C-alpha atoms as a PDB file:
ATOM      1  CA  UNK A   1       0.000   0.000   0.000  1.00  0.00           C
ATOM      2  CA  UNK A   2       1.255   3.501  -0.769  1.00  0.00           C
ATOM      3  CA  UNK A   3       0.455   6.871   0.763  1.00  0.00           C
ATOM      4  CA  UNK A   4       0.407  10.237  -0.945  1.00  0.00           C
ATOM      5  CA  UNK A   5       2.733  12.899   0.468  1.00  0.00           C
ATOM      6  CA  UNK A   6       0.995  16.292   0.228  1.00  0.00           C
ATOM      7  CA  UNK A   7       2.851  19.485  -0.499  1.00  0.00           C
ATOM      8  CA  UNK A   8       1.739  23.103  -0.750  1.00  0.00           C
ATOM      9  CA  UNK A   9       4.338  23.500  -3.505  1.00  0.00           C
ATOM     10  CA  UNK A  10       3.540  23.228  -7.182  1.00  0.00           C
ATOM     11  CA  UNK A  11       2.842  19.666  -8.232  1.00  0.00           C
ATOM     12  CA  UNK A  12       5.393  17.685 -10.192  1.00  0.00           C
ATOM     13  CA  UNK A  13       4.251  17.006 -13.716  1.00  0.00           C
ATOM     14  CA  UNK A  14       0.999  18.823 -12.976  1.00  0.00           C
ATOM     15  CA  UNK A  15      -0.349  15.933 -10.865  1.00  0.00           C
ATOM     16  CA  UNK A  16      -2.799  16.708  -8.102  1.00  0.00           C
ATOM     17  CA  UNK A  17      -4.289  14.457  -5.468  1.00  0.00           C
ATOM     18  CA  UNK A  18      -8.119  14.453  -5.323  1.00  0.00           C
ATOM     19  CA  UNK A  19      -7.944  16.493  -2.102  1.00  0.00           C
ATOM     20  CA  UNK A  20      -6.199  19.316  -4.013  1.00  0.00           C
ATOM     21  CA  UNK A  21      -2.703  18.860  -2.586  1.00  0.00           C
ATOM     22  CA  UNK A  22       0.214  18.550  -4.944  1.00  0.00           C
ATOM     23  CA  UNK A  23       1.553  15.029  -5.280  1.00  0.00           C
ATOM     24  CA  UNK A  24       5.317  15.082  -4.794  1.00  0.00           C
ATOM     25  CA  UNK A  25       5.799  11.342  -4.616  1.00  0.00           C
ATOM     26  CA  UNK A  26       4.642   8.196  -2.925  1.00  0.00           C
ATOM     27  CA  UNK A  27       5.953   6.303   0.070  1.00  0.00           C
ATOM     28  CA  UNK A  28       5.108   2.953   1.536  1.00  0.00           C
ATOM     29  CA  UNK A  29       3.280   2.719   4.833  1.00  0.00           C
ATOM     30  CA  UNK A  30       6.488   1.433   6.456  1.00  0.00           C
ATOM     31  CA  UNK A  31       8.410   4.456   5.149  1.00  0.00           C
ATOM     32  CA  UNK A  32       5.679   6.788   6.356  1.00  0.00           C
ATOM     33  CA  UNK A  33       5.752   5.162   9.814  1.00  0.00           C
ATOM     34  CA  UNK A  34       9.534   5.498   9.938  1.00  0.00           C
ATOM     35  CA  UNK A  35       9.370   9.174   8.903  1.00  0.00           C
ATOM     36  CA  UNK A  36       6.655   9.870  11.473  1.00  0.00           C
ATOM     37  CA  UNK A  37       8.651   8.168  14.228  1.00  0.00           C
ATOM     38  CA  UNK A  38      11.772  10.078  13.230  1.00  0.00           C
ATOM     39  CA  UNK A  39       9.898  13.399  13.258  1.00  0.00           C
ATOM     40  CA  UNK A  40       8.220  12.659  16.604  1.00  0.00           C
ATOM     41  CA  UNK A  41      11.540  11.640  18.156  1.00  0.00           C
ATOM     42  CA  UNK A  42      13.108  14.906  17.011  1.00  0.00           C
ATOM     43  CA  UNK A  43      10.416  16.858  18.887  1.00  0.00           C
ATOM     44  CA  UNK A  44      10.618  14.994  22.189  1.00  0.00           C
ATOM     45  CA  UNK A  45      11.923  17.153  25.005  1.00  0.00           C
ATOM     46  CA  UNK A  46      13.810  15.418  27.798  1.00  0.00           C
ATOM     47  CA  UNK A  47      12.084  15.352  31.170  1.00  0.00           C
ATOM     48  CA  UNK A  48      13.666  17.112  34.098  1.00  0.00           C
ATOM     49  CA  UNK A  49      13.481  15.086  37.282  1.00  0.00           C
ATOM     50  CA  UNK A  50      13.183  17.229  40.400  1.00  0.00           C
ATOM     51  CA  UNK A  51      13.810  15.548  43.776  1.00  0.00           C
ATOM     52  CA  UNK A  52      10.731  15.600  46.031  1.00  0.00           C
ATOM     53  CA  UNK A  53      12.453  17.764  48.607  1.00  0.00           C
ATOM     54  CA  UNK A  54      12.969  20.480  45.947  1.00  0.00           C
ATOM     55  CA  UNK A  55       9.542  20.416  44.290  1.00  0.00           C
ATOM     56  CA  UNK A  56       7.884  23.113  46.412  1.00  0.00           C
ATOM     57  CA  UNK A  57      10.871  25.465  46.161  1.00  0.00           C
ATOM     58  CA  UNK A  58      10.980  24.965  42.384  1.00  0.00           C
ATOM     59  CA  UNK A  59       7.260  25.713  42.068  1.00  0.00           C
ATOM     60  CA  UNK A  60       7.424  28.760  44.327  1.00  0.00           C
ATOM     61  CA  UNK A  61      10.124  30.306  42.123  1.00  0.00           C
ATOM     62  CA  UNK A  62       7.480  30.512  39.375  1.00  0.00           C
ATOM     63  CA  UNK A  63       4.891  32.295  41.539  1.00  0.00           C
ATOM     64  CA  UNK A  64       4.639  36.075  41.330  1.00  0.00           C
ATOM     65  CA  UNK A  65       2.975  38.588  43.622  1.00  0.00           C
ATOM     66  CA  UNK A  66      -0.619  39.417  42.760  1.00  0.00           C
ATOM     67  CA  UNK A  67      -2.482  42.707  42.977  1.00  0.00           C
ATOM     68  CA  UNK A  68      -5.773  41.268  44.207  1.00  0.00           C
ATOM     69  CA  UNK A  69      -7.605  44.605  44.082  1.00  0.00           C
ATOM     70  CA  UNK A  70      -6.674  45.084  40.442  1.00  0.00           C
ATOM     71  CA  UNK A  71      -7.484  41.504  39.445  1.00  0.00           C
ATOM     72  CA  UNK A  72     -10.857  41.555  41.235  1.00  0.00           C
ATOM     73  CA  UNK A  73     -11.631  45.002  39.821  1.00  0.00           C
ATOM     74  CA  UNK A  74     -12.032  46.949  43.061  1.00  0.00           C
ATOM     75  CA  UNK A  75     -11.052  50.534  42.335  1.00  0.00           C
ATOM     76  CA  UNK A  76     -12.485  52.047  45.484  1.00  0.00           C
ATOM     77  CA  UNK A  77      -9.895  51.849  48.289  1.00  0.00           C
ATOM     78  CA  UNK A  78     -12.644  51.747  50.926  1.00  0.00           C
ATOM     79  CA  UNK A  79     -14.071  48.485  49.579  1.00  0.00           C
ATOM     80  CA  UNK A  80     -12.663  45.475  51.375  1.00  0.00           C
ATOM     81  CA  UNK A  81     -11.620  42.275  49.695  1.00  0.00           C
ATOM     82  CA  UNK A  82     -13.524  39.298  51.000  1.00  0.00           C
ATOM     83  CA  UNK A  83     -12.130  35.833  51.560  1.00  0.00           C
ATOM     84  CA  UNK A  84     -13.936  34.591  48.448  1.00  0.00           C
ATOM     85  CA  UNK A  85     -12.004  37.150  46.352  1.00  0.00           C
ATOM     86  CA  UNK A  86      -8.700  35.777  47.592  1.00  0.00           C
ATOM     87  CA  UNK A  87      -9.679  32.109  47.252  1.00  0.00           C
ATOM     88  CA  UNK A  88     -11.101  32.391  43.726  1.00  0.00           C
ATOM     89  CA  UNK A  89      -8.223  34.567  42.509  1.00  0.00           C
ATOM     90  CA  UNK A  90      -5.556  32.269  43.944  1.00  0.00           C
ATOM     91  CA  UNK A  91      -7.165  29.199  42.359  1.00  0.00           C
ATOM     92  CA  UNK A  92      -7.569  30.903  38.966  1.00  0.00           C
ATOM     93  CA  UNK A  93      -4.004  32.210  39.000  1.00  0.00           C
ATOM     94  CA  UNK A  94      -2.590  28.844  40.139  1.00  0.00           C
ATOM     95  CA  UNK A  95      -4.375  27.072  37.265  1.00  0.00           C
ATOM     96  CA  UNK A  96      -3.153  29.698  34.783  1.00  0.00           C
ATOM     97  CA  UNK A  97       0.404  29.358  36.118  1.00  0.00           C
ATOM     98  CA  UNK A  98       0.202  25.573  35.829  1.00  0.00           C
ATOM     99  CA  UNK A  99      -1.033  25.840  32.237  1.00  0.00           C
ATOM    100  CA  UNK A 100       1.717  28.331  31.270  1.00  0.00           C
ATOM    101  CA  UNK A 101       4.404  26.064  32.716  1.00  0.00           C
ATOM    102  CA  UNK A 102       2.891  22.838  31.369  1.00  0.00           C
ATOM    103  CA  UNK A 103       2.496  21.380  34.848  1.00  0.00           C
ATOM    104  CA  UNK A 104       0.088  18.507  35.108  1.00  0.00           C
ATOM    105  CA  UNK A 105      -2.814  19.057  37.466  1.00  0.00           C
ATOM    106  CA  UNK A 106      -6.061  17.272  38.186  1.00  0.00           C
ATOM    107  CA  UNK A 107      -9.427  18.994  38.004  1.00  0.00           C
ATOM    108  CA  UNK A 108     -11.755  17.655  40.659  1.00  0.00           C
END
């Protein structure tokens, strides 16, 4: 079995695949699997193992101070922040920080 390799470039000999992509050649399924594995391997980033005793310190280095009044949208200095403002903001910011740093976390 052969697979068609698409290309945005101009087709060779004017050939086009039915899906509209230019046909630049054919490869066997085994060749396609090998090329895919090679490409995937090139994009793998090595994992960094952090000892358990250093995990919290490593995470805390990523945390920045928050301006709760600004985030919550309280412009009036006489308005007091309630506990719910702090809790919700901390959770939202922690989830955003985890997403930015590609940390795994469970949503429960």
